[in-house]
Amino acid sequence: MSGKKKSHGKAPEREPILAALAGSPDVQSVLRLSAVSEPDGHWVIAATVELIDSLPVYVLSHSLDEAKRRVREVTTDTAEIYIEPELVRDPSKEHPPTDVIVIKASD
């Protein structure tokens, strides 16, 4: 018996899922997307999305929940959806070079 999972039914289309994930202004890009059929016929959709690290936690949480909701709308209700955030530096924030940082101390 092989350890590979058997596909049951047609795989969800990638383009509507990608559009659903990228439909948030907080999602910078979709880094990874996979759809795998479980032996019981349920689909598991896993994605990694890029979000800005300076967003407050409640905004990150809401963005991930909304992305999950949008993906569920374009797939079946029985699909399991996992979305992993990858945080990247905010390009609009300037970070000083390390040789400019001064740490005051007393002896």
PDB file of N, CA and C in Angstrom:
ATOM      1  N   MET A   1       0.844  -1.173   0.000  1.00  0.00           N
ATOM      2  CA  MET A   1       0.000   0.000   0.000  1.00  0.00           C
ATOM      3  C   MET A   1       0.888   1.234   0.000  1.00  0.00           C
ATOM      4  N   SER A   2       0.599   2.150  -0.863  1.00  0.00           N
ATOM      5  CA  SER A   2       1.423   3.351  -0.977  1.00  0.00           C
ATOM      6  C   SER A   2       0.984   4.402   0.028  1.00  0.00           C
ATOM      7  N   GLY A   3       1.897   5.286   0.416  1.00  0.00           N
ATOM      8  CA  GLY A   3       1.605   6.334   1.388  1.00  0.00           C
ATOM      9  C   GLY A   3       1.032   7.582   0.753  1.00  0.00           C
ATOM     10  N   LYS A   4       0.840   7.567  -0.582  1.00  0.00           N
ATOM     11  CA  LYS A   4       0.313   8.749  -1.263  1.00  0.00           C
ATOM     12  C   LYS A   4      -1.185   8.873  -1.041  1.00  0.00           C
ATOM     13  N   LYS A   5      -1.646  10.124  -1.007  1.00  0.00           N
ATOM     14  CA  LYS A   5      -3.067  10.380  -0.838  1.00  0.00           C
ATOM     15  C   LYS A   5      -3.748  10.322  -2.188  1.00  0.00           C
ATOM     16  N   LYS A   6      -4.939   9.775  -2.215  1.00  0.00           N
ATOM     17  CA  LYS A   6      -5.713   9.685  -3.440  1.00  0.00           C
ATOM     18  C   LYS A   6      -6.612  10.907  -3.558  1.00  0.00           C
ATOM     19  N   SER A   7      -6.709  11.442  -4.767  1.00  0.00           N
ATOM     20  CA  SER A   7      -7.585  12.576  -5.011  1.00  0.00           C
ATOM     21  C   SER A   7      -9.004  12.080  -5.228  1.00  0.00           C
ATOM     22  N   HIS A   8      -9.940  12.727  -4.579  1.00  0.00           N
ATOM     23  CA  HIS A   8     -11.352  12.416  -4.747  1.00  0.00           C
ATOM     24  C   HIS A   8     -12.022  13.663  -5.296  1.00  0.00           C
ATOM     25  N   GLY A   9     -12.464  13.600  -6.521  1.00  0.00           N
ATOM     26  CA  GLY A   9     -13.100  14.768  -7.117  1.00  0.00           C
ATOM     27  C   GLY A   9     -12.064  15.680  -7.753  1.00  0.00           C
ATOM     28  N   LYS A  10     -12.577  16.711  -8.382  1.00  0.00           N
ATOM     29  CA  LYS A  10     -11.726  17.662  -9.092  1.00  0.00           C
ATOM     30  C   LYS A  10     -11.045  18.613  -8.104  1.00  0.00           C
ATOM     31  N   ALA A  11      -9.790  18.890  -8.351  1.00  0.00           N
ATOM     32  CA  ALA A  11      -9.029  19.817  -7.496  1.00  0.00           C
ATOM     33  C   ALA A  11      -9.582  21.229  -7.639  1.00  0.00           C
ATOM     34  N   PRO A  12      -9.580  21.997  -6.544  1.00  0.00           N
ATOM     35  CA  PRO A  12     -10.022  23.395  -6.639  1.00  0.00           C
ATOM     36  C   PRO A  12      -9.100  24.167  -7.578  1.00  0.00           C
ATOM     37  N   GLU A  13      -9.666  25.101  -8.306  1.00  0.00           N
ATOM     38  CA  GLU A  13      -8.869  25.909  -9.224  1.00  0.00           C
ATOM     39  C   GLU A  13      -8.003  26.884  -8.432  1.00  0.00           C
ATOM     40  N   ARG A  14      -6.756  27.055  -8.877  1.00  0.00           N
ATOM     41  CA  ARG A  14      -5.795  27.884  -8.154  1.00  0.00           C
ATOM     42  C   ARG A  14      -6.064  29.384  -8.300  1.00  0.00           C
ATOM     43  N   GLU A  15      -6.460  29.814  -9.492  1.00  0.00           N
ATOM     44  CA  GLU A  15      -6.612  31.258  -9.742  1.00  0.00           C
ATOM     45  C   GLU A  15      -7.639  31.918  -8.822  1.00  0.00           C
ATOM     46  N   PRO A  16      -8.846  31.336  -8.629  1.00  0.00           N
ATOM     47  CA  PRO A  16      -9.789  31.981  -7.696  1.00  0.00           C
ATOM     48  C   PRO A  16      -9.274  31.988  -6.253  1.00  0.00           C
ATOM     49  N   ILE A  17      -8.525  30.950  -5.867  1.00  0.00           N
ATOM     50  CA  ILE A  17      -7.968  30.908  -4.511  1.00  0.00           C
ATOM     51  C   ILE A  17      -6.905  31.991  -4.354  1.00  0.00           C
ATOM     52  N   LEU A  18      -6.027  32.117  -5.348  1.00  0.00           N
ATOM     53  CA  LEU A  18      -4.996  33.166  -5.305  1.00  0.00           C
ATOM     54  C   LEU A  18      -5.628  34.550  -5.248  1.00  0.00           C
ATOM     55  N   ALA A  19      -6.679  34.763  -6.042  1.00  0.00           N
ATOM     56  CA  ALA A  19      -7.367  36.060  -6.039  1.00  0.00           C
ATOM     57  C   ALA A  19      -8.019  36.323  -4.686  1.00  0.00           C
ATOM     58  N   ALA A  20      -8.584  35.285  -4.074  1.00  0.00           N
ATOM     59  CA  ALA A  20      -9.207  35.441  -2.753  1.00  0.00           C
ATOM     60  C   ALA A  20      -8.169  35.788  -1.697  1.00  0.00           C
ATOM     61  N   LEU A  21      -7.005  35.148  -1.762  1.00  0.00           N
ATOM     62  CA  LEU A  21      -5.947  35.426  -0.793  1.00  0.00           C
ATOM     63  C   LEU A  21      -5.373  36.824  -0.974  1.00  0.00           C
ATOM     64  N   ALA A  22      -5.192  37.235  -2.217  1.00  0.00           N
ATOM     65  CA  ALA A  22      -4.586  38.536  -2.503  1.00  0.00           C
ATOM     66  C   ALA A  22      -5.615  39.671  -2.458  1.00  0.00           C
ATOM     67  N   GLY A  23      -6.876  39.345  -2.152  1.00  0.00           N
ATOM     68  CA  GLY A  23      -7.941  40.344  -2.141  1.00  0.00           C
ATOM     69  C   GLY A  23      -7.903  41.302  -0.976  1.00  0.00           C
ATOM     70  N   SER A  24      -6.977  41.139  -0.078  1.00  0.00           N
ATOM     71  CA  SER A  24      -6.863  42.029   1.078  1.00  0.00           C
ATOM     72  C   SER A  24      -5.766  43.047   0.842  1.00  0.00           C
ATOM     73  N   PRO A  25      -5.998  44.303   1.253  1.00  0.00           N
ATOM     74  CA  PRO A  25      -4.925  45.293   1.106  1.00  0.00           C
ATOM     75  C   PRO A  25      -3.747  45.001   2.034  1.00  0.00           C
ATOM     76  N   ASP A  26      -3.957  44.169   3.051  1.00  0.00           N
ATOM     77  CA  ASP A  26      -2.881  43.846   3.990  1.00  0.00           C
ATOM     78  C   ASP A  26      -1.975  42.734   3.483  1.00  0.00           C
ATOM     79  N   VAL A  27      -2.453  41.930   2.537  1.00  0.00           N
ATOM     80  CA  VAL A  27      -1.655  40.830   2.000  1.00  0.00           C
ATOM     81  C   VAL A  27      -0.789  41.381   0.865  1.00  0.00           C
ATOM     82  N   GLN A  28       0.524  41.300   1.048  1.00  0.00           N
ATOM     83  CA  GLN A  28       1.455  41.810   0.047  1.00  0.00           C
ATOM     84  C   GLN A  28       1.591  40.860  -1.140  1.00  0.00           C
ATOM     85  N   SER A  29       1.657  39.552  -0.838  1.00  0.00           N
ATOM     86  CA  SER A  29       1.757  38.544  -1.893  1.00  0.00           C
ATOM     87  C   SER A  29       1.453  37.170  -1.311  1.00  0.00           C
ATOM     88  N   VAL A  30       1.198  36.228  -2.217  1.00  0.00           N
ATOM     89  CA  VAL A  30       0.993  34.834  -1.830  1.00  0.00           C
ATOM     90  C   VAL A  30       2.291  34.104  -2.167  1.00  0.00           C
ATOM     91  N   LEU A  31       2.949  33.562  -1.144  1.00  0.00           N
ATOM     92  CA  LEU A  31       4.241  32.911  -1.347  1.00  0.00           C
ATOM     93  C   LEU A  31       4.105  31.440  -1.727  1.00  0.00           C
ATOM     94  N   ARG A  32       3.153  30.746  -1.108  1.00  0.00           N
ATOM     95  CA  ARG A  32       2.953  29.321  -1.382  1.00  0.00           C
ATOM     96  C   ARG A  32       1.471  29.010  -1.347  1.00  0.00           C
ATOM     97  N   LEU A  33       1.068  28.053  -2.188  1.00  0.00           N
ATOM     98  CA  LEU A  33      -0.307  27.580  -2.189  1.00  0.00           C
ATOM     99  C   LEU A  33      -0.307  26.117  -2.576  1.00  0.00           C
ATOM    100  N   SER A  34      -0.975  25.295  -1.774  1.00  0.00           N
ATOM    101  CA  SER A  34      -1.119  23.889  -2.144  1.00  0.00           C
ATOM    102  C   SER A  34      -2.523  23.423  -1.803  1.00  0.00           C
ATOM    103  N   ALA A  35      -3.021  22.507  -2.601  1.00  0.00           N
ATOM    104  CA  ALA A  35      -4.326  21.889  -2.366  1.00  0.00           C
ATOM    105  C   ALA A  35      -4.127  20.385  -2.486  1.00  0.00           C
ATOM    106  N   VAL A  36      -4.465  19.672  -1.415  1.00  0.00           N
ATOM    107  CA  VAL A  36      -4.251  18.220  -1.346  1.00  0.00           C
ATOM    108  C   VAL A  36      -5.547  17.566  -0.913  1.00  0.00           C
ATOM    109  N   SER A  37      -5.868  16.447  -1.536  1.00  0.00           N
ATOM    110  CA  SER A  37      -7.060  15.700  -1.155  1.00  0.00           C
ATOM    111  C   SER A  37      -6.712  14.697  -0.067  1.00  0.00           C
ATOM    112  N   GLU A  38      -7.490  14.697   1.006  1.00  0.00           N
ATOM    113  CA  GLU A  38      -7.331  13.725   2.085  1.00  0.00           C
ATOM    114  C   GLU A  38      -7.956  12.398   1.644  1.00  0.00           C
ATOM    115  N   PRO A  39      -7.584  11.294   2.268  1.00  0.00           N
ATOM    116  CA  PRO A  39      -8.175   9.995   1.901  1.00  0.00           C
ATOM    117  C   PRO A  39      -9.702   9.973   2.013  1.00  0.00           C
ATOM    118  N   ASP A  40     -10.263  10.776   2.910  1.00  0.00           N
ATOM    119  CA  ASP A  40     -11.722  10.788   3.063  1.00  0.00           C
ATOM    120  C   ASP A  40     -12.413  11.686   2.040  1.00  0.00           C
ATOM    121  N   GLY A  41     -11.644  12.307   1.143  1.00  0.00           N
ATOM    122  CA  GLY A  41     -12.213  13.131   0.083  1.00  0.00           C
ATOM    123  C   GLY A  41     -12.233  14.615   0.377  1.00  0.00           C
ATOM    124  N   HIS A  42     -11.924  15.022   1.593  1.00  0.00           N
ATOM    125  CA  HIS A  42     -11.884  16.443   1.926  1.00  0.00           C
ATOM    126  C   HIS A  42     -10.607  17.064   1.376  1.00  0.00           C
ATOM    127  N   TRP A  43     -10.723  18.306   0.930  1.00  0.00           N
ATOM    128  CA  TRP A  43      -9.561  19.031   0.434  1.00  0.00           C
ATOM    129  C   TRP A  43      -8.922  19.820   1.560  1.00  0.00           C
ATOM    130  N   VAL A  44      -7.605  19.854   1.564  1.00  0.00           N
ATOM    131  CA  VAL A  44      -6.840  20.673   2.500  1.00  0.00           C
ATOM    132  C   VAL A  44      -6.109  21.719   1.663  1.00  0.00           C
ATOM    133  N   ILE A  45      -6.391  22.973   1.952  1.00  0.00           N
ATOM    134  CA  ILE A  45      -5.761  24.079   1.228  1.00  0.00           C
ATOM    135  C   ILE A  45      -4.854  24.801   2.211  1.00  0.00           C
ATOM    136  N   ALA A  46      -3.581  24.897   1.852  1.00  0.00           N
ATOM    137  CA  ALA A  46      -2.594  25.550   2.714  1.00  0.00           C
ATOM    138  C   ALA A  46      -1.910  26.655   1.921  1.00  0.00           C
ATOM    139  N   ALA A  47      -1.732  27.799   2.570  1.00  0.00           N
ATOM    140  CA  ALA A  47      -1.100  28.928   1.894  1.00  0.00           C
ATOM    141  C   ALA A  47      -0.225  29.692   2.878  1.00  0.00           C
ATOM    142  N   THR A  48       0.793  30.324   2.331  1.00  0.00           N
ATOM    143  CA  THR A  48       1.616  31.258   3.091  1.00  0.00           C
ATOM    144  C   THR A  48       1.474  32.611   2.409  1.00  0.00           C
ATOM    145  N   VAL A  49       1.081  33.610   3.196  1.00  0.00           N
ATOM    146  CA  VAL A  49       0.914  34.953   2.654  1.00  0.00           C
ATOM    147  C   VAL A  49       1.876  35.904   3.349  1.00  0.00           C
ATOM    148  N   GLU A  50       2.279  36.911   2.625  1.00  0.00           N
ATOM    149  CA  GLU A  50       3.230  37.896   3.132  1.00  0.00           C
ATOM    150  C   GLU A  50       2.462  39.103   3.671  1.00  0.00           C
ATOM    151  N   LEU A  51       2.721  39.438   4.935  1.00  0.00           N
ATOM    152  CA  LEU A  51       2.099  40.585   5.589  1.00  0.00           C
ATOM    153  C   LEU A  51       3.182  41.504   6.152  1.00  0.00           C
ATOM    154  N   ILE A  52       2.864  42.786   6.282  1.00  0.00           N
ATOM    155  CA  ILE A  52       3.808  43.767   6.821  1.00  0.00           C
ATOM    156  C   ILE A  52       3.929  43.586   8.330  1.00  0.00           C
ATOM    157  N   ASP A  53       5.143  43.596   8.843  1.00  0.00           N
ATOM    158  CA  ASP A  53       5.380  43.326  10.268  1.00  0.00           C
ATOM    159  C   ASP A  53       4.929  44.436  11.209  1.00  0.00           C
ATOM    160  N   SER A  54       4.678  45.634  10.703  1.00  0.00           N
ATOM    161  CA  SER A  54       4.303  46.734  11.587  1.00  0.00           C
ATOM    162  C   SER A  54       2.796  46.817  11.828  1.00  0.00           C
ATOM    163  N   LEU A  55       2.031  45.919  11.210  1.00  0.00           N
ATOM    164  CA  LEU A  55       0.589  45.919  11.448  1.00  0.00           C
ATOM    165  C   LEU A  55       0.297  45.446  12.867  1.00  0.00           C
ATOM    166  N   PRO A  56      -0.685  46.045  13.529  1.00  0.00           N
ATOM    167  CA  PRO A  56      -1.057  45.570  14.868  1.00  0.00           C
ATOM    168  C   PRO A  56      -1.567  44.127  14.793  1.00  0.00           C
ATOM    169  N   VAL A  57      -1.449  43.405  15.891  1.00  0.00           N
ATOM    170  CA  VAL A  57      -1.829  41.992  15.924  1.00  0.00           C
ATOM    171  C   VAL A  57      -3.297  41.809  15.565  1.00  0.00           C
ATOM    172  N   TYR A  58      -4.172  42.681  16.046  1.00  0.00           N
ATOM    173  CA  TYR A  58      -5.593  42.515  15.733  1.00  0.00           C
ATOM    174  C   TYR A  58      -5.857  42.688  14.237  1.00  0.00           C
ATOM    175  N   VAL A  59      -5.072  43.518  13.547  1.00  0.00           N
ATOM    176  CA  VAL A  59      -5.220  43.690  12.098  1.00  0.00           C
ATOM    177  C   VAL A  59      -4.717  42.436  11.383  1.00  0.00           C
ATOM    178  N   LEU A  60      -3.585  41.893  11.827  1.00  0.00           N
ATOM    179  CA  LEU A  60      -3.071  40.653  11.243  1.00  0.00           C
ATOM    180  C   LEU A  60      -4.097  39.530  11.385  1.00  0.00           C
ATOM    181  N   SER A  61      -4.654  39.395  12.579  1.00  0.00           N
ATOM    182  CA  SER A  61      -5.630  38.354  12.848  1.00  0.00           C
ATOM    183  C   SER A  61      -6.863  38.520  11.964  1.00  0.00           C
ATOM    184  N   HIS A  62      -7.358  39.733  11.866  1.00  0.00           N
ATOM    185  CA  HIS A  62      -8.531  40.005  11.033  1.00  0.00           C
ATOM    186  C   HIS A  62      -8.229  39.724   9.558  1.00  0.00           C
ATOM    187  N   SER A  63      -7.057  40.108   9.098  1.00  0.00           N
ATOM    188  CA  SER A  63      -6.670  39.875   7.704  1.00  0.00           C
ATOM    189  C   SER A  63      -6.634  38.386   7.380  1.00  0.00           C
ATOM    190  N   LEU A  64      -6.078  37.598   8.296  1.00  0.00           N
ATOM    191  CA  LEU A  64      -6.016  36.149   8.081  1.00  0.00           C
ATOM    192  C   LEU A  64      -7.412  35.531   8.100  1.00  0.00           C
ATOM    193  N   ASP A  65      -8.255  35.974   9.022  1.00  0.00           N
ATOM    194  CA  ASP A  65      -9.632  35.462   9.075  1.00  0.00           C
ATOM    195  C   ASP A  65     -10.402  35.811   7.801  1.00  0.00           C
ATOM    196  N   GLU A  66     -10.239  37.038   7.333  1.00  0.00           N
ATOM    197  CA  GLU A  66     -10.920  37.460   6.109  1.00  0.00           C
ATOM    198  C   GLU A  66     -10.416  36.681   4.889  1.00  0.00           C
ATOM    199  N   ALA A  67      -9.112  36.451   4.821  1.00  0.00           N
ATOM    200  CA  ALA A  67      -8.554  35.674   3.713  1.00  0.00           C
ATOM    201  C   ALA A  67      -9.120  34.249   3.728  1.00  0.00           C
ATOM    202  N   LYS A  68      -9.213  33.678   4.908  1.00  0.00           N
ATOM    203  CA  LYS A  68      -9.773  32.331   5.051  1.00  0.00           C
ATOM    204  C   LYS A  68     -11.242  32.305   4.611  1.00  0.00           C
ATOM    205  N   ARG A  69     -11.995  33.318   4.996  1.00  0.00           N
ATOM    206  CA  ARG A  69     -13.406  33.406   4.608  1.00  0.00           C
ATOM    207  C   ARG A  69     -13.550  33.507   3.085  1.00  0.00           C
ATOM    208  N   ARG A  70     -12.714  34.335   2.452  1.00  0.00           N
ATOM    209  CA  ARG A  70     -12.779  34.498   1.000  1.00  0.00           C
ATOM    210  C   ARG A  70     -12.400  33.215   0.276  1.00  0.00           C
ATOM    211  N   VAL A  71     -11.405  32.498   0.790  1.00  0.00           N
ATOM    212  CA  VAL A  71     -11.023  31.216   0.174  1.00  0.00           C
ATOM    213  C   VAL A  71     -12.165  30.217   0.315  1.00  0.00           C
ATOM    214  N   ARG A  72     -12.809  30.193   1.463  1.00  0.00           N
ATOM    215  CA  ARG A  72     -13.941  29.277   1.674  1.00  0.00           C
ATOM    216  C   ARG A  72     -15.070  29.572   0.685  1.00  0.00           C
ATOM    217  N   GLU A  73     -15.265  30.837   0.340  1.00  0.00           N
ATOM    218  CA  GLU A  73     -16.312  31.209  -0.619  1.00  0.00           C
ATOM    219  C   GLU A  73     -16.055  30.635  -2.012  1.00  0.00           C
ATOM    220  N   VAL A  74     -14.782  30.482  -2.396  1.00  0.00           N
ATOM    221  CA  VAL A  74     -14.473  29.977  -3.745  1.00  0.00           C
ATOM    222  C   VAL A  74     -14.160  28.479  -3.760  1.00  0.00           C
ATOM    223  N   THR A  75     -14.183  27.840  -2.590  1.00  0.00           N
ATOM    224  CA  THR A  75     -13.960  26.399  -2.517  1.00  0.00           C
ATOM    225  C   THR A  75     -15.169  25.762  -1.834  1.00  0.00           C
ATOM    226  N   THR A  76     -15.047  24.488  -1.530  1.00  0.00           N
ATOM    227  CA  THR A  76     -16.154  23.803  -0.867  1.00  0.00           C
ATOM    228  C   THR A  76     -16.175  24.131   0.619  1.00  0.00           C
ATOM    229  N   ASP A  77     -17.345  23.983   1.218  1.00  0.00           N
ATOM    230  CA  ASP A  77     -17.492  24.240   2.654  1.00  0.00           C
ATOM    231  C   ASP A  77     -16.745  23.228   3.499  1.00  0.00           C
ATOM    232  N   THR A  78     -16.451  22.058   2.930  1.00  0.00           N
ATOM    233  CA  THR A  78     -15.791  21.009   3.703  1.00  0.00           C
ATOM    234  C   THR A  78     -14.272  21.093   3.636  1.00  0.00           C
ATOM    235  N   ALA A  79     -13.739  22.001   2.843  1.00  0.00           N
ATOM    236  CA  ALA A  79     -12.286  22.121   2.728  1.00  0.00           C
ATOM    237  C   ALA A  79     -11.702  22.660   4.032  1.00  0.00           C
ATOM    238  N   GLU A  80     -10.571  22.091   4.416  1.00  0.00           N
ATOM    239  CA  GLU A  80      -9.826  22.629   5.561  1.00  0.00           C
ATOM    240  C   GLU A  80      -8.861  23.661   4.998  1.00  0.00           C
ATOM    241  N   ILE A  81      -8.819  24.828   5.623  1.00  0.00           N
ATOM    242  CA  ILE A  81      -8.002  25.922   5.104  1.00  0.00           C
ATOM    243  C   ILE A  81      -7.021  26.365   6.182  1.00  0.00           C
ATOM    244  N   TYR A  82      -5.756  26.374   5.803  1.00  0.00           N
ATOM    245  CA  TYR A  82      -4.693  26.818   6.704  1.00  0.00           C
ATOM    246  C   TYR A  82      -3.936  27.952   6.022  1.00  0.00           C
ATOM    247  N   ILE A  83      -3.843  29.080   6.700  1.00  0.00           N
ATOM    248  CA  ILE A  83      -3.117  30.221   6.146  1.00  0.00           C
ATOM    249  C   ILE A  83      -2.044  30.628   7.145  1.00  0.00           C
ATOM    250  N   GLU A  84      -0.822  30.606   6.677  1.00  0.00           N
ATOM    251  CA  GLU A  84       0.332  30.945   7.508  1.00  0.00           C
ATOM    252  C   GLU A  84       0.849  32.327   7.100  1.00  0.00           C
ATOM    253  N   PRO A  85       1.019  33.236   8.076  1.00  0.00           N
ATOM    254  CA  PRO A  85       1.568  34.541   7.728  1.00  0.00           C
ATOM    255  C   PRO A  85       3.094  34.524   7.735  1.00  0.00           C
ATOM    256  N   GLU A  86       3.669  35.221   6.812  1.00  0.00           N
ATOM    257  CA  GLU A  86       5.113  35.475   6.813  1.00  0.00           C
ATOM    258  C   GLU A  86       5.267  36.984   6.891  1.00  0.00           C
ATOM    259  N   LEU A  87       5.890  37.463   7.963  1.00  0.00           N
ATOM    260  CA  LEU A  87       6.000  38.895   8.181  1.00  0.00           C
ATOM    261  C   LEU A  87       7.257  39.449   7.524  1.00  0.00           C
ATOM    262  N   VAL A  88       7.087  40.577   6.842  1.00  0.00           N
ATOM    263  CA  VAL A  88       8.214  41.248   6.184  1.00  0.00           C
ATOM    264  C   VAL A  88       8.270  42.685   6.677  1.00  0.00           C
ATOM    265  N   ARG A  89       9.424  43.285   6.579  1.00  0.00           N
ATOM    266  CA  ARG A  89       9.598  44.678   7.021  1.00  0.00           C
ATOM    267  C   ARG A  89       8.719  45.617   6.216  1.00  0.00           C
ATOM    268  N   ASP A  90       8.249  46.622   6.911  1.00  0.00           N
ATOM    269  CA  ASP A  90       7.422  47.651   6.288  1.00  0.00           C
ATOM    270  C   ASP A  90       8.318  48.501   5.390  1.00  0.00           C
ATOM    271  N   PRO A  91       8.074  48.511   4.080  1.00  0.00           N
ATOM    272  CA  PRO A  91       8.941  49.287   3.174  1.00  0.00           C
ATOM    273  C   PRO A  91       8.789  50.795   3.348  1.00  0.00           C
ATOM    274  N   SER A  92       7.693  51.234   3.984  1.00  0.00           N
ATOM    275  CA  SER A  92       7.497  52.671   4.156  1.00  0.00           C
ATOM    276  C   SER A  92       8.234  53.214   5.379  1.00  0.00           C
ATOM    277  N   LYS A  93       8.731  52.340   6.232  1.00  0.00           N
ATOM    278  CA  LYS A  93       9.477  52.781   7.408  1.00  0.00           C
ATOM    279  C   LYS A  93      10.964  52.792   7.109  1.00  0.00           C
ATOM    280  N   GLU A  94      11.614  53.845   7.559  1.00  0.00           N
ATOM    281  CA  GLU A  94      13.060  53.916   7.379  1.00  0.00           C
ATOM    282  C   GLU A  94      13.747  53.341   8.610  1.00  0.00           C
ATOM    283  N   HIS A  95      14.710  52.515   8.380  1.00  0.00           N
ATOM    284  CA  HIS A  95      15.495  51.936   9.463  1.00  0.00           C
ATOM    285  C   HIS A  95      16.900  52.525   9.372  1.00  0.00           C
ATOM    286  N   PRO A  96      17.380  53.133  10.454  1.00  0.00           N
ATOM    287  CA  PRO A  96      18.708  53.756  10.391  1.00  0.00           C
ATOM    288  C   PRO A  96      19.799  52.696  10.252  1.00  0.00           C
ATOM    289  N   PRO A  97      20.866  53.046   9.578  1.00  0.00           N
ATOM    290  CA  PRO A  97      21.990  52.107   9.505  1.00  0.00           C
ATOM    291  C   PRO A  97      22.521  51.833  10.912  1.00  0.00           C
ATOM    292  N   THR A  98      23.091  50.685  11.116  1.00  0.00           N
ATOM    293  CA  THR A  98      23.527  50.301  12.466  1.00  0.00           C
ATOM    294  C   THR A  98      24.638  51.199  12.996  1.00  0.00           C
ATOM    295  N   ASP A  99      25.418  51.829  12.121  1.00  0.00           N
ATOM    296  CA  ASP A  99      26.488  52.685  12.622  1.00  0.00           C
ATOM    297  C   ASP A  99      25.958  54.041  13.102  1.00  0.00           C
ATOM    298  N   VAL A 100      24.673  54.316  12.944  1.00  0.00           N
ATOM    299  CA  VAL A 100      24.082  55.565  13.388  1.00  0.00           C
ATOM    300  C   VAL A 100      23.444  55.394  14.763  1.00  0.00           C
ATOM    301  N   ILE A 101      23.155  54.176  15.153  1.00  0.00           N
ATOM    302  CA  ILE A 101      22.504  53.922  16.434  1.00  0.00           C
ATOM    303  C   ILE A 101      23.494  54.154  17.571  1.00  0.00           C
ATOM    304  N   VAL A 102      23.063  54.970  18.550  1.00  0.00           N
ATOM    305  CA  VAL A 102      23.896  55.274  19.709  1.00  0.00           C
ATOM    306  C   VAL A 102      23.147  54.797  20.954  1.00  0.00           C
ATOM    307  N   ILE A 103      23.806  54.015  21.768  1.00  0.00           N
ATOM    308  CA  ILE A 103      23.211  53.556  23.009  1.00  0.00           C
ATOM    309  C   ILE A 103      23.955  54.229  24.142  1.00  0.00           C
ATOM    310  N   LYS A 104      23.213  55.021  24.926  1.00  0.00           N
ATOM    311  CA  LYS A 104      23.835  55.724  26.028  1.00  0.00           C
ATOM    312  C   LYS A 104      23.987  54.791  27.212  1.00  0.00           C
ATOM    313  N   ALA A 105      25.092  54.907  27.898  1.00  0.00           N
ATOM    314  CA  ALA A 105      25.356  54.088  29.071  1.00  0.00           C
ATOM    315  C   ALA A 105      26.119  54.929  30.085  1.00  0.00           C
ATOM    316  N   SER A 106      26.113  54.471  31.290  1.00  0.00           N
ATOM    317  CA  SER A 106      26.903  55.161  32.313  1.00  0.00           C
ATOM    318  C   SER A 106      27.894  54.182  32.921  1.00  0.00           C
ATOM    319  N   ASP A 107      29.051  54.714  33.293  1.00  0.00           N
ATOM    320  CA  ASP A 107      30.081  53.855  33.902  1.00  0.00           C
ATOM    321  C   ASP A 107      30.064  53.971  35.388  1.00  0.00           C
TER     322      ASP A 107
END
